[in-house]
N, C-alpha and C. Protein backbone atom coordinates (compact mmCIF):
# COMPACT_ATOMS: atom_id res chain seq x y z
N MET A 1 90.26 91.91 92.54
CA MET A 1 90.09 90.47 92.43
C MET A 1 90.74 89.78 93.63
N GLY A 2 90.08 88.81 94.18
CA GLY A 2 90.59 88.12 95.37
C GLY A 2 91.42 86.89 95.02
N LEU A 3 91.77 86.19 96.04
CA LEU A 3 92.54 84.96 95.89
C LEU A 3 91.63 83.78 95.57
N HIS A 4 92.19 82.84 94.84
CA HIS A 4 91.53 81.54 94.71
C HIS A 4 92.04 80.72 95.89
N ILE A 5 91.15 80.08 96.62
CA ILE A 5 91.53 79.30 97.79
C ILE A 5 91.41 77.81 97.48
N HIS A 6 92.50 77.08 97.74
CA HIS A 6 92.50 75.62 97.58
C HIS A 6 92.72 75.02 98.96
N VAL A 7 91.76 74.20 99.42
CA VAL A 7 91.84 73.58 100.75
C VAL A 7 92.11 72.08 100.57
N LEU A 8 93.19 71.59 101.18
CA LEU A 8 93.49 70.17 101.11
C LEU A 8 92.37 69.34 101.74
N ASN A 9 92.16 68.13 101.24
CA ASN A 9 91.05 67.29 101.70
C ASN A 9 91.08 67.00 103.19
N ASP A 10 92.28 66.74 103.76
CA ASP A 10 92.31 66.43 105.19
C ASP A 10 91.96 67.66 106.03
N VAL A 11 92.21 68.85 105.50
CA VAL A 11 91.82 70.07 106.20
C VAL A 11 90.29 70.23 106.13
N LYS A 12 89.71 69.92 104.99
CA LYS A 12 88.25 69.95 104.85
C LYS A 12 87.61 69.01 105.87
N GLU A 13 88.20 67.82 106.02
CA GLU A 13 87.67 66.85 106.99
C GLU A 13 87.78 67.39 108.42
N PHE A 14 88.89 68.07 108.72
CA PHE A 14 89.06 68.69 110.04
C PHE A 14 87.94 69.71 110.28
N PHE A 15 87.68 70.56 109.28
CA PHE A 15 86.62 71.57 109.40
C PHE A 15 85.26 70.92 109.61
N GLU A 16 85.01 69.83 108.89
CA GLU A 16 83.72 69.14 109.00
C GLU A 16 83.51 68.54 110.39
N GLY A 17 84.60 68.24 111.10
CA GLY A 17 84.50 67.67 112.43
C GLY A 17 84.30 68.70 113.53
N LEU A 18 84.36 69.97 113.19
CA LEU A 18 84.21 71.04 114.18
C LEU A 18 82.74 71.32 114.45
N SER A 19 82.48 72.02 115.54
CA SER A 19 81.12 72.47 115.79
C SER A 19 80.71 73.43 114.68
N GLN A 20 79.42 73.56 114.48
CA GLN A 20 78.92 74.45 113.43
C GLN A 20 79.41 75.88 113.67
N ASP A 21 79.41 76.32 114.92
CA ASP A 21 79.84 77.67 115.27
C ASP A 21 81.31 77.90 114.94
N ALA A 22 82.17 76.94 115.34
CA ALA A 22 83.61 77.08 115.08
C ALA A 22 83.89 77.07 113.58
N ALA A 23 83.26 76.15 112.87
CA ALA A 23 83.45 76.08 111.42
C ALA A 23 82.99 77.36 110.74
N ALA A 24 81.88 77.92 111.18
CA ALA A 24 81.36 79.17 110.59
C ALA A 24 82.34 80.31 110.79
N LYS A 25 82.94 80.40 111.98
CA LYS A 25 83.93 81.45 112.25
C LYS A 25 85.14 81.30 111.34
N ILE A 26 85.63 80.06 111.19
CA ILE A 26 86.78 79.83 110.33
C ILE A 26 86.45 80.16 108.88
N TYR A 27 85.30 79.71 108.40
CA TYR A 27 84.92 80.00 107.01
C TYR A 27 84.73 81.50 106.78
N ALA A 28 84.24 82.23 107.78
CA ALA A 28 84.10 83.69 107.66
C ALA A 28 85.48 84.34 107.52
N HIS A 29 86.44 83.88 108.31
CA HIS A 29 87.81 84.41 108.21
C HIS A 29 88.43 84.07 106.85
N LEU A 30 88.21 82.84 106.37
CA LEU A 30 88.74 82.45 105.06
C LEU A 30 88.11 83.27 103.94
N GLN A 31 86.84 83.60 104.10
CA GLN A 31 86.16 84.43 103.09
C GLN A 31 86.82 85.81 103.03
N LEU A 32 87.08 86.41 104.19
CA LEU A 32 87.76 87.70 104.23
C LEU A 32 89.15 87.60 103.60
N PHE A 33 89.87 86.53 103.94
CA PHE A 33 91.20 86.30 103.38
C PHE A 33 91.12 86.19 101.86
N GLN A 34 90.16 85.43 101.37
CA GLN A 34 89.98 85.25 99.94
C GLN A 34 89.70 86.57 99.23
N GLU A 35 88.94 87.43 99.89
CA GLU A 35 88.58 88.73 99.30
C GLU A 35 89.65 89.79 99.55
N ASN A 36 90.76 89.38 100.16
CA ASN A 36 91.90 90.26 100.46
C ASN A 36 91.54 91.36 101.46
N HIS A 37 90.58 91.10 102.34
CA HIS A 37 90.23 92.01 103.43
C HIS A 37 90.96 91.53 104.68
N THR A 38 92.27 91.70 104.70
CA THR A 38 93.09 91.11 105.76
C THR A 38 93.31 92.02 106.96
N GLU A 39 92.85 93.26 106.91
CA GLU A 39 93.13 94.18 108.01
C GLU A 39 92.57 93.74 109.35
N GLY A 40 91.49 92.99 109.39
CA GLY A 40 90.92 92.52 110.65
C GLY A 40 91.37 91.13 111.05
N LEU A 41 92.19 90.50 110.22
CA LEU A 41 92.61 89.12 110.46
C LEU A 41 93.95 89.09 111.20
N VAL A 42 94.15 88.04 111.98
CA VAL A 42 95.43 87.83 112.66
C VAL A 42 96.18 86.76 111.87
N ILE A 43 97.24 87.21 111.18
CA ILE A 43 98.06 86.31 110.37
C ILE A 43 99.49 86.39 110.89
N LYS A 44 100.05 85.23 111.18
CA LYS A 44 101.39 85.15 111.75
C LYS A 44 102.29 84.40 110.77
N SER A 45 103.48 84.93 110.53
CA SER A 45 104.46 84.25 109.69
C SER A 45 105.13 83.15 110.51
N LEU A 46 105.20 81.94 109.96
CA LEU A 46 105.81 80.82 110.66
C LEU A 46 107.24 80.59 110.20
N LYS A 47 107.42 80.43 108.88
CA LYS A 47 108.76 80.19 108.33
C LYS A 47 108.70 80.40 106.83
N GLY A 48 109.47 81.35 106.33
CA GLY A 48 109.46 81.62 104.89
C GLY A 48 108.07 82.01 104.42
N LYS A 49 107.59 81.27 103.43
CA LYS A 49 106.26 81.55 102.86
C LYS A 49 105.12 80.98 103.69
N ILE A 50 105.43 80.18 104.69
CA ILE A 50 104.42 79.49 105.49
C ILE A 50 103.88 80.44 106.57
N LYS A 51 102.56 80.58 106.60
CA LYS A 51 101.91 81.48 107.56
C LYS A 51 100.75 80.75 108.23
N GLU A 52 100.23 81.36 109.29
CA GLU A 52 99.02 80.80 109.90
C GLU A 52 98.02 81.91 110.15
N LEU A 53 96.77 81.58 109.90
CA LEU A 53 95.64 82.43 110.20
C LEU A 53 95.11 81.99 111.54
N ILE A 54 94.98 82.92 112.47
CA ILE A 54 94.55 82.59 113.83
C ILE A 54 93.07 82.94 113.96
N VAL A 55 92.28 81.92 114.31
CA VAL A 55 90.84 82.08 114.53
C VAL A 55 90.54 81.48 115.89
N LYS A 56 90.44 82.34 116.90
CA LYS A 56 90.26 81.89 118.28
C LYS A 56 91.33 80.87 118.64
N GLN A 57 90.94 79.64 119.04
CA GLN A 57 91.95 78.66 119.42
C GLN A 57 92.43 77.82 118.23
N TYR A 58 91.98 78.13 117.02
CA TYR A 58 92.35 77.35 115.84
C TYR A 58 93.43 78.06 115.03
N ARG A 59 94.26 77.25 114.39
CA ARG A 59 95.32 77.76 113.53
C ARG A 59 95.14 77.14 112.15
N ILE A 60 95.11 77.99 111.13
CA ILE A 60 94.93 77.55 109.75
C ILE A 60 96.26 77.85 109.04
N VAL A 61 96.99 76.81 108.66
CA VAL A 61 98.31 76.96 108.06
C VAL A 61 98.15 77.05 106.54
N PHE A 62 98.82 78.06 105.95
CA PHE A 62 98.66 78.30 104.52
C PHE A 62 99.91 78.93 103.92
N PHE A 63 99.92 78.99 102.60
CA PHE A 63 100.88 79.79 101.85
C PHE A 63 100.18 80.24 100.59
N THR A 64 100.75 81.23 99.93
CA THR A 64 100.18 81.71 98.67
C THR A 64 101.23 81.62 97.57
N ILE A 65 100.76 81.27 96.40
CA ILE A 65 101.58 81.28 95.18
C ILE A 65 100.75 82.03 94.16
N SER A 66 101.29 83.12 93.63
CA SER A 66 100.58 84.08 92.77
C SER A 66 99.23 84.41 93.38
N ASN A 67 98.14 84.13 92.71
CA ASN A 67 96.83 84.53 93.27
C ASN A 67 96.05 83.35 93.84
N THR A 68 96.77 82.32 94.32
CA THR A 68 96.12 81.17 94.94
C THR A 68 96.64 80.98 96.35
N GLY A 69 95.71 80.82 97.28
CA GLY A 69 96.06 80.50 98.66
C GLY A 69 95.82 79.02 98.89
N TYR A 70 96.82 78.34 99.44
CA TYR A 70 96.72 76.90 99.71
C TYR A 70 96.59 76.69 101.21
N ILE A 71 95.46 76.17 101.64
CA ILE A 71 95.22 75.85 103.05
C ILE A 71 95.69 74.41 103.24
N VAL A 72 96.83 74.24 103.93
CA VAL A 72 97.47 72.92 103.97
C VAL A 72 97.36 72.21 105.31
N ASP A 73 96.95 72.92 106.36
CA ASP A 73 96.80 72.27 107.66
C ASP A 73 95.92 73.13 108.54
N ALA A 74 95.32 72.51 109.53
CA ALA A 74 94.52 73.22 110.52
C ALA A 74 94.54 72.39 111.79
N PHE A 75 94.59 73.08 112.91
CA PHE A 75 94.62 72.36 114.18
C PHE A 75 94.14 73.28 115.29
N ARG A 76 93.81 72.65 116.40
CA ARG A 76 93.43 73.40 117.59
C ARG A 76 94.69 73.67 118.39
N LYS A 77 94.93 74.91 118.71
CA LYS A 77 96.14 75.32 119.42
C LYS A 77 96.16 74.70 120.81
N GLN A 78 97.26 74.01 121.13
CA GLN A 78 97.39 73.38 122.44
C GLN A 78 98.68 73.75 123.14
N SER A 79 99.58 74.40 122.43
CA SER A 79 100.85 74.81 123.04
C SER A 79 101.22 76.18 122.51
N ARG A 80 102.30 76.74 123.02
CA ARG A 80 102.69 78.09 122.62
C ARG A 80 103.19 78.16 121.19
N LYS A 81 103.86 77.11 120.73
CA LYS A 81 104.45 77.14 119.40
C LYS A 81 103.73 76.17 118.47
N THR A 82 103.70 76.54 117.20
CA THR A 82 103.16 75.63 116.19
C THR A 82 104.12 74.45 116.07
N PRO A 83 103.60 73.21 116.13
CA PRO A 83 104.48 72.04 116.05
C PRO A 83 105.35 72.05 114.79
N LYS A 84 106.62 71.70 114.98
CA LYS A 84 107.60 71.70 113.89
C LYS A 84 107.15 70.81 112.73
N ARG A 85 106.54 69.66 113.03
CA ARG A 85 106.12 68.73 111.98
C ARG A 85 105.07 69.37 111.06
N ILE A 86 104.25 70.25 111.61
CA ILE A 86 103.22 70.92 110.81
C ILE A 86 103.88 71.90 109.85
N ILE A 87 104.86 72.65 110.34
CA ILE A 87 105.58 73.60 109.49
C ILE A 87 106.36 72.85 108.41
N GLU A 88 107.03 71.76 108.79
CA GLU A 88 107.80 70.98 107.81
C GLU A 88 106.90 70.38 106.74
N ARG A 89 105.73 69.90 107.13
CA ARG A 89 104.78 69.34 106.16
C ARG A 89 104.31 70.44 105.20
N ALA A 90 104.03 71.62 105.73
CA ALA A 90 103.60 72.74 104.89
C ALA A 90 104.71 73.13 103.91
N GLU A 91 105.94 73.13 104.38
CA GLU A 91 107.07 73.46 103.50
C GLU A 91 107.21 72.44 102.38
N GLU A 92 107.02 71.16 102.70
CA GLU A 92 107.12 70.11 101.69
C GLU A 92 106.02 70.28 100.63
N ILE A 93 104.81 70.57 101.07
CA ILE A 93 103.70 70.80 100.13
C ILE A 93 104.01 72.01 99.26
N TYR A 94 104.56 73.06 99.87
CA TYR A 94 104.93 74.26 99.11
C TYR A 94 105.95 73.91 98.02
N ARG A 95 106.97 73.13 98.39
CA ARG A 95 108.01 72.74 97.41
C ARG A 95 107.39 71.96 96.25
N VAL A 96 106.48 71.05 96.55
CA VAL A 96 105.85 70.24 95.51
C VAL A 96 105.01 71.12 94.59
N ILE A 97 104.18 71.97 95.17
CA ILE A 97 103.27 72.80 94.36
C ILE A 97 104.03 73.85 93.55
N SER A 98 105.03 74.46 94.17
CA SER A 98 105.75 75.54 93.49
C SER A 98 106.82 75.01 92.54
N GLY A 99 107.14 73.72 92.63
CA GLY A 99 108.14 73.13 91.74
C GLY A 99 109.57 73.46 92.13
N ILE A 100 109.78 73.85 93.38
CA ILE A 100 111.14 74.18 93.84
C ILE A 100 111.88 72.90 94.18
């Protein structure tokens, strides 16, 4: 059984603004992630439970709680490091959802 994926609305809007080709690549990677076929995916740990899925120049920020993956941010990579504000926002969402 795979993960249930929950994508925040602003992330959905980001995906909708991408080219059809870029969006298709991201959705293909998310499908593999959902089905737990992670061996071909590039996933980087950012801080604690916060991770990012790397799809070409795009970064998909997420965390998992039990069998649900929460896609909380997405952006086009423009610098070497993921912006601190993105990680902090993801941590705050994690705290709210997990009840910590």
